[in-house]
Amino acid sequence: MSQAINKTLSLDQGATWMLSFEYLDDDGQPIDLTGCTARMQLRATPATPVLLELSTQNTRLLLAGATGIIELLVDAPATAALSCESGVYDLRVTFPGGRVDVVMAGRFCLALAVTK
């Protein structure tokens, strides 16, 4: 099991946002994500309502099996609907046996659109 990546995410309001990275174990080897599900939520604070959810169910979050690659994709209409300029998130992967890893967590910043 690998330690969660602490990363600040930067999104532009009204623009498509993508991020792809490889989930690695402590030895630098890809973690097999075959059969896993994942969810990520953006909130103003941990106790406030969800602003945006990415998941394997809504196809905003894709897991590339044995390669360990995780891809996040949010379309322009979804980022256009955001108005909170900063907040928190975490990304959790659930393995077939029930183990849950927090893969990435931290803050997000939203640059508000000027051109509309």
N, C-alpha and C. Protein backbone atom coordinates (compact mmCIF):
# COMPACT_ATOMS: atom_id res chain seq x y z
N MET A 1 0.86 -1.18 0.00
CA MET A 1 0.00 0.00 0.00
C MET A 1 0.90 1.23 0.00
N SER A 2 0.58 2.17 -0.82
CA SER A 2 1.36 3.39 -0.99
C SER A 2 0.73 4.53 -0.19
N GLN A 3 1.55 5.50 0.19
CA GLN A 3 1.04 6.67 0.91
C GLN A 3 0.35 7.61 -0.07
N ALA A 4 -0.71 8.28 0.40
CA ALA A 4 -1.47 9.20 -0.46
C ALA A 4 -0.59 10.33 -0.96
N ILE A 5 -0.79 10.69 -2.22
CA ILE A 5 -0.12 11.83 -2.82
C ILE A 5 -0.84 13.08 -2.32
N ASN A 6 -0.09 14.06 -1.79
CA ASN A 6 -0.66 15.33 -1.38
C ASN A 6 -0.39 16.31 -2.52
N LYS A 7 -1.45 16.76 -3.19
CA LYS A 7 -1.29 17.60 -4.38
C LYS A 7 -2.38 18.66 -4.43
N THR A 8 -1.99 19.88 -4.77
CA THR A 8 -2.95 20.94 -5.03
C THR A 8 -3.34 20.87 -6.50
N LEU A 9 -4.63 20.79 -6.76
CA LEU A 9 -5.15 20.72 -8.13
C LEU A 9 -5.59 22.11 -8.56
N SER A 10 -5.28 22.48 -9.79
CA SER A 10 -5.70 23.77 -10.35
C SER A 10 -6.65 23.51 -11.52
N LEU A 11 -7.85 24.07 -11.43
CA LEU A 11 -8.86 23.93 -12.47
C LEU A 11 -9.22 25.31 -12.99
N ASP A 12 -9.58 25.37 -14.27
CA ASP A 12 -10.06 26.61 -14.87
C ASP A 12 -11.56 26.49 -15.10
N GLN A 13 -12.31 27.44 -14.57
CA GLN A 13 -13.76 27.43 -14.72
C GLN A 13 -14.13 27.49 -16.20
N GLY A 14 -15.01 26.59 -16.63
CA GLY A 14 -15.48 26.58 -18.01
C GLY A 14 -14.54 25.92 -19.00
N ALA A 15 -13.51 25.23 -18.50
CA ALA A 15 -12.55 24.54 -19.38
C ALA A 15 -12.49 23.07 -19.01
N THR A 16 -12.19 22.23 -19.97
CA THR A 16 -12.01 20.81 -19.71
C THR A 16 -10.77 20.63 -18.85
N TRP A 17 -10.86 19.75 -17.85
CA TRP A 17 -9.74 19.48 -16.95
C TRP A 17 -9.41 18.01 -16.99
N MET A 18 -8.12 17.69 -17.15
CA MET A 18 -7.67 16.30 -17.21
C MET A 18 -6.41 16.14 -16.37
N LEU A 19 -6.29 14.95 -15.77
CA LEU A 19 -5.08 14.58 -15.04
C LEU A 19 -4.92 13.08 -15.17
N SER A 20 -3.71 12.64 -15.44
CA SER A 20 -3.41 11.22 -15.53
C SER A 20 -2.15 10.96 -14.73
N PHE A 21 -2.14 9.91 -13.93
CA PHE A 21 -0.95 9.56 -13.17
C PHE A 21 -0.94 8.06 -12.90
N GLU A 22 0.23 7.57 -12.51
CA GLU A 22 0.40 6.15 -12.24
C GLU A 22 0.42 5.94 -10.73
N TYR A 23 -0.43 5.05 -10.24
CA TYR A 23 -0.48 4.71 -8.81
C TYR A 23 0.53 3.60 -8.57
N LEU A 24 1.56 3.91 -7.76
CA LEU A 24 2.67 3.01 -7.54
C LEU A 24 2.75 2.55 -6.10
N ASP A 25 3.30 1.35 -5.89
CA ASP A 25 3.53 0.87 -4.53
C ASP A 25 4.83 1.47 -4.00
N ASP A 26 5.20 1.11 -2.78
CA ASP A 26 6.40 1.68 -2.16
C ASP A 26 7.69 1.32 -2.88
N ASP A 27 7.66 0.29 -3.71
CA ASP A 27 8.84 -0.12 -4.48
C ASP A 27 8.84 0.49 -5.89
N GLY A 28 7.87 1.36 -6.19
CA GLY A 28 7.81 2.00 -7.48
C GLY A 28 7.15 1.18 -8.57
N GLN A 29 6.46 0.10 -8.17
CA GLN A 29 5.78 -0.75 -9.14
C GLN A 29 4.31 -0.35 -9.25
N PRO A 30 3.72 -0.44 -10.45
CA PRO A 30 2.30 -0.09 -10.60
C PRO A 30 1.41 -0.99 -9.75
N ILE A 31 0.41 -0.39 -9.13
CA ILE A 31 -0.58 -1.14 -8.35
C ILE A 31 -1.68 -1.59 -9.30
N ASP A 32 -1.98 -2.87 -9.28
CA ASP A 32 -3.00 -3.45 -10.16
C ASP A 32 -4.38 -2.97 -9.72
N LEU A 33 -5.06 -2.25 -10.59
CA LEU A 33 -6.38 -1.68 -10.29
C LEU A 33 -7.51 -2.47 -10.95
N THR A 34 -7.21 -3.66 -11.44
CA THR A 34 -8.22 -4.50 -12.08
C THR A 34 -9.33 -4.81 -11.09
N GLY A 35 -10.58 -4.56 -11.48
CA GLY A 35 -11.73 -4.84 -10.63
C GLY A 35 -12.01 -3.79 -9.56
N CYS A 36 -11.21 -2.73 -9.51
CA CYS A 36 -11.39 -1.68 -8.50
C CYS A 36 -12.43 -0.65 -8.96
N THR A 37 -12.95 0.07 -7.99
CA THR A 37 -13.79 1.24 -8.25
C THR A 37 -13.13 2.42 -7.55
N ALA A 38 -13.51 3.63 -7.93
CA ALA A 38 -12.91 4.80 -7.32
C ALA A 38 -13.89 5.96 -7.29
N ARG A 39 -13.68 6.84 -6.29
CA ARG A 39 -14.49 8.06 -6.16
C ARG A 39 -13.60 9.19 -5.69
N MET A 40 -13.94 10.38 -6.14
CA MET A 40 -13.26 11.60 -5.72
C MET A 40 -14.31 12.68 -5.57
N GLN A 41 -14.25 13.41 -4.48
CA GLN A 41 -15.20 14.50 -4.27
C GLN A 41 -14.45 15.80 -3.98
N LEU A 42 -14.96 16.88 -4.55
CA LEU A 42 -14.47 18.22 -4.26
C LEU A 42 -15.52 18.91 -3.39
N ARG A 43 -15.06 19.53 -2.31
CA ARG A 43 -15.93 20.25 -1.37
C ARG A 43 -15.23 21.52 -0.92
N ALA A 44 -15.99 22.50 -0.46
CA ALA A 44 -15.38 23.72 0.09
C ALA A 44 -14.61 23.37 1.37
N THR A 45 -15.21 22.57 2.23
CA THR A 45 -14.57 22.02 3.43
C THR A 45 -15.05 20.58 3.56
N PRO A 46 -14.40 19.76 4.37
CA PRO A 46 -14.84 18.37 4.49
C PRO A 46 -16.30 18.20 4.92
N ALA A 47 -16.86 19.19 5.62
CA ALA A 47 -18.22 19.07 6.15
C ALA A 47 -19.30 19.69 5.26
N THR A 48 -18.93 20.29 4.15
CA THR A 48 -19.90 20.96 3.29
C THR A 48 -20.35 20.04 2.15
N PRO A 49 -21.42 20.42 1.44
CA PRO A 49 -21.92 19.57 0.35
C PRO A 49 -20.89 19.36 -0.77
N VAL A 50 -21.07 18.29 -1.51
CA VAL A 50 -20.21 17.95 -2.64
C VAL A 50 -20.42 18.97 -3.75
N LEU A 51 -19.32 19.54 -4.24
CA LEU A 51 -19.37 20.46 -5.37
C LEU A 51 -19.25 19.73 -6.70
N LEU A 52 -18.44 18.68 -6.70
CA LEU A 52 -18.20 17.90 -7.91
C LEU A 52 -17.75 16.51 -7.50
N GLU A 53 -18.31 15.49 -8.16
CA GLU A 53 -17.90 14.12 -7.89
C GLU A 53 -17.38 13.48 -9.17
N LEU A 54 -16.26 12.82 -9.04
CA LEU A 54 -15.69 12.02 -10.11
C LEU A 54 -15.73 10.58 -9.61
N SER A 55 -16.12 9.66 -10.47
CA SER A 55 -16.15 8.26 -10.07
C SER A 55 -16.01 7.37 -11.29
N THR A 56 -15.73 6.10 -11.02
CA THR A 56 -15.71 5.14 -12.11
C THR A 56 -17.13 4.93 -12.63
N GLN A 57 -18.14 5.19 -11.81
CA GLN A 57 -19.53 5.04 -12.24
C GLN A 57 -19.95 6.15 -13.19
N ASN A 58 -19.52 7.40 -12.94
CA ASN A 58 -19.93 8.49 -13.83
C ASN A 58 -18.90 8.76 -14.93
N THR A 59 -17.92 7.90 -15.05
CA THR A 59 -16.86 7.90 -16.08
C THR A 59 -15.99 9.15 -16.08
N ARG A 60 -16.00 9.90 -15.01
CA ARG A 60 -15.05 11.00 -14.88
C ARG A 60 -13.73 10.51 -14.31
N LEU A 61 -13.71 9.25 -13.88
CA LEU A 61 -12.53 8.65 -13.31
C LEU A 61 -12.35 7.28 -13.94
N LEU A 62 -11.20 7.07 -14.57
CA LEU A 62 -10.93 5.80 -15.27
C LEU A 62 -9.72 5.12 -14.65
N LEU A 63 -9.83 3.81 -14.47
CA LEU A 63 -8.73 3.01 -13.93
C LEU A 63 -8.25 2.06 -15.02
N ALA A 64 -6.95 2.06 -15.29
CA ALA A 64 -6.41 1.28 -16.40
C ALA A 64 -5.78 -0.03 -15.92
N GLY A 65 -6.52 -0.77 -15.12
CA GLY A 65 -6.13 -2.13 -14.74
C GLY A 65 -4.74 -2.29 -14.19
N ALA A 66 -4.01 -3.27 -14.72
CA ALA A 66 -2.69 -3.65 -14.21
C ALA A 66 -1.64 -2.57 -14.38
N THR A 67 -1.88 -1.58 -15.25
CA THR A 67 -0.89 -0.52 -15.47
C THR A 67 -0.81 0.46 -14.30
N GLY A 68 -1.84 0.49 -13.44
CA GLY A 68 -1.87 1.41 -12.32
C GLY A 68 -2.20 2.84 -12.70
N ILE A 69 -2.57 3.06 -13.95
CA ILE A 69 -2.86 4.43 -14.40
C ILE A 69 -4.27 4.84 -14.00
N ILE A 70 -4.36 6.04 -13.43
CA ILE A 70 -5.64 6.64 -13.04
C ILE A 70 -5.80 7.91 -13.86
N GLU A 71 -6.94 8.04 -14.52
CA GLU A 71 -7.22 9.22 -15.34
C GLU A 71 -8.45 9.93 -14.81
N LEU A 72 -8.34 11.24 -14.66
CA LEU A 72 -9.44 12.07 -14.22
C LEU A 72 -9.82 13.00 -15.36
N LEU A 73 -11.11 13.15 -15.60
CA LEU A 73 -11.58 13.99 -16.70
C LEU A 73 -12.88 14.68 -16.29
N VAL A 74 -12.87 16.00 -16.36
CA VAL A 74 -14.07 16.79 -16.08
C VAL A 74 -14.32 17.68 -17.28
N ASP A 75 -15.53 17.61 -17.83
CA ASP A 75 -15.83 18.40 -19.02
C ASP A 75 -16.07 19.87 -18.68
N ALA A 76 -16.04 20.71 -19.71
CA ALA A 76 -16.17 22.15 -19.53
C ALA A 76 -17.48 22.57 -18.84
N PRO A 77 -18.64 21.95 -19.19
CA PRO A 77 -19.86 22.35 -18.48
C PRO A 77 -19.80 22.09 -16.97
N ALA A 78 -19.13 21.03 -16.57
CA ALA A 78 -19.03 20.73 -15.13
C ALA A 78 -18.13 21.73 -14.41
N THR A 79 -17.01 22.13 -15.04
CA THR A 79 -16.17 23.14 -14.38
C THR A 79 -16.83 24.51 -14.43
N ALA A 80 -17.65 24.77 -15.46
CA ALA A 80 -18.38 26.04 -15.55
C ALA A 80 -19.37 26.18 -14.40
N ALA A 81 -19.89 25.07 -13.93
CA ALA A 81 -20.88 25.10 -12.84
C ALA A 81 -20.25 25.35 -11.47
N LEU A 82 -18.92 25.22 -11.39
CA LEU A 82 -18.23 25.46 -10.11
C LEU A 82 -18.10 26.95 -9.87
N SER A 83 -18.28 27.37 -8.62
CA SER A 83 -18.07 28.77 -8.29
C SER A 83 -17.20 28.94 -7.04
N CYS A 84 -16.98 27.86 -6.31
CA CYS A 84 -16.13 27.90 -5.12
C CYS A 84 -14.67 27.97 -5.58
N GLU A 85 -13.96 29.01 -5.19
CA GLU A 85 -12.61 29.23 -5.70
C GLU A 85 -11.55 28.33 -5.09
N SER A 86 -11.85 27.69 -3.96
CA SER A 86 -10.88 26.78 -3.36
C SER A 86 -11.60 25.82 -2.43
N GLY A 87 -10.95 24.72 -2.15
CA GLY A 87 -11.54 23.73 -1.27
C GLY A 87 -10.63 22.53 -1.13
N VAL A 88 -11.25 21.40 -0.77
CA VAL A 88 -10.50 20.18 -0.49
C VAL A 88 -11.07 19.02 -1.31
N TYR A 89 -10.27 17.96 -1.43
CA TYR A 89 -10.71 16.77 -2.15
C TYR A 89 -9.93 15.58 -1.61
N ASP A 90 -10.44 14.40 -1.90
CA ASP A 90 -9.64 13.19 -1.80
C ASP A 90 -10.14 12.19 -2.83
N LEU A 91 -9.25 11.29 -3.22
CA LEU A 91 -9.55 10.27 -4.20
C LEU A 91 -9.31 8.92 -3.53
N ARG A 92 -10.35 8.09 -3.50
CA ARG A 92 -10.29 6.79 -2.84
C ARG A 92 -10.55 5.68 -3.83
N VAL A 93 -9.71 4.64 -3.75
CA VAL A 93 -9.86 3.45 -4.58
C VAL A 93 -10.29 2.31 -3.69
N THR A 94 -11.35 1.59 -4.11
CA THR A 94 -11.83 0.42 -3.39
C THR A 94 -11.46 -0.82 -4.19
N PHE A 95 -10.73 -1.73 -3.55
CA PHE A 95 -10.28 -2.97 -4.19
C PHE A 95 -11.34 -4.05 -4.04
N PRO A 96 -11.32 -5.06 -4.92
CA PRO A 96 -12.35 -6.11 -4.88
C PRO A 96 -12.52 -6.77 -3.51
N GLY A 97 -11.46 -6.89 -2.73
CA GLY A 97 -11.55 -7.51 -1.41
C GLY A 97 -12.07 -6.59 -0.32
N GLY A 98 -12.32 -5.31 -0.67
CA GLY A 98 -12.87 -4.36 0.30
C GLY A 98 -11.87 -3.34 0.83
N ARG A 99 -10.58 -3.53 0.56
CA ARG A 99 -9.58 -2.56 1.02
C ARG A 99 -9.83 -1.23 0.32
N VAL A 100 -9.69 -0.13 1.07
CA VAL A 100 -9.85 1.21 0.51
C VAL A 100 -8.55 1.98 0.73
N ASP A 101 -8.00 2.52 -0.36
CA ASP A 101 -6.80 3.36 -0.30
C ASP A 101 -7.19 4.80 -0.60
N VAL A 102 -6.66 5.73 0.18
CA VAL A 102 -6.73 7.14 -0.19
C VAL A 102 -5.50 7.37 -1.06
N VAL A 103 -5.72 7.56 -2.35
CA VAL A 103 -4.63 7.64 -3.32
C VAL A 103 -4.05 9.05 -3.39
N MET A 104 -4.93 10.04 -3.37
CA MET A 104 -4.50 11.42 -3.52
C MET A 104 -5.46 12.29 -2.71
N ALA A 105 -4.93 13.35 -2.10
CA ALA A 105 -5.76 14.26 -1.31
C ALA A 105 -5.07 15.62 -1.25
N GLY A 106 -5.86 16.63 -0.95
CA GLY A 106 -5.28 17.96 -0.82
C GLY A 106 -6.29 19.05 -1.09
N ARG A 107 -5.81 20.14 -1.63
CA ARG A 107 -6.64 21.30 -1.91
C ARG A 107 -6.82 21.45 -3.42
N PHE A 108 -7.88 22.14 -3.80
CA PHE A 108 -8.06 22.51 -5.20
C PHE A 108 -8.25 24.02 -5.27
N CYS A 109 -7.84 24.59 -6.39
CA CYS A 109 -8.01 26.02 -6.66
C CYS A 109 -8.72 26.15 -8.00
N LEU A 110 -9.70 27.01 -8.05
CA LEU A 110 -10.46 27.25 -9.27
C LEU A 110 -10.18 28.66 -9.75
N ALA A 111 -9.65 28.78 -10.97
CA ALA A 111 -9.47 30.09 -11.58
C ALA A 111 -10.78 30.45 -12.27
N LEU A 112 -11.43 31.53 -11.81
CA LEU A 112 -12.71 31.93 -12.37
C LEU A 112 -12.55 32.42 -13.80
N ALA A 113 -13.51 32.07 -14.64
CA ALA A 113 -13.47 32.42 -16.06
C ALA A 113 -13.68 33.93 -16.25
N VAL A 114 -12.91 34.50 -17.17
CA VAL A 114 -13.10 35.88 -17.57
C VAL A 114 -13.90 35.90 -18.87
N THR A 115 -13.49 35.05 -19.80
CA THR A 115 -14.20 34.93 -21.08
C THR A 115 -15.34 33.96 -20.90
N LYS A 116 -16.56 34.39 -21.22
CA LYS A 116 -17.73 33.54 -21.01
C LYS A 116 -18.52 33.41 -22.28
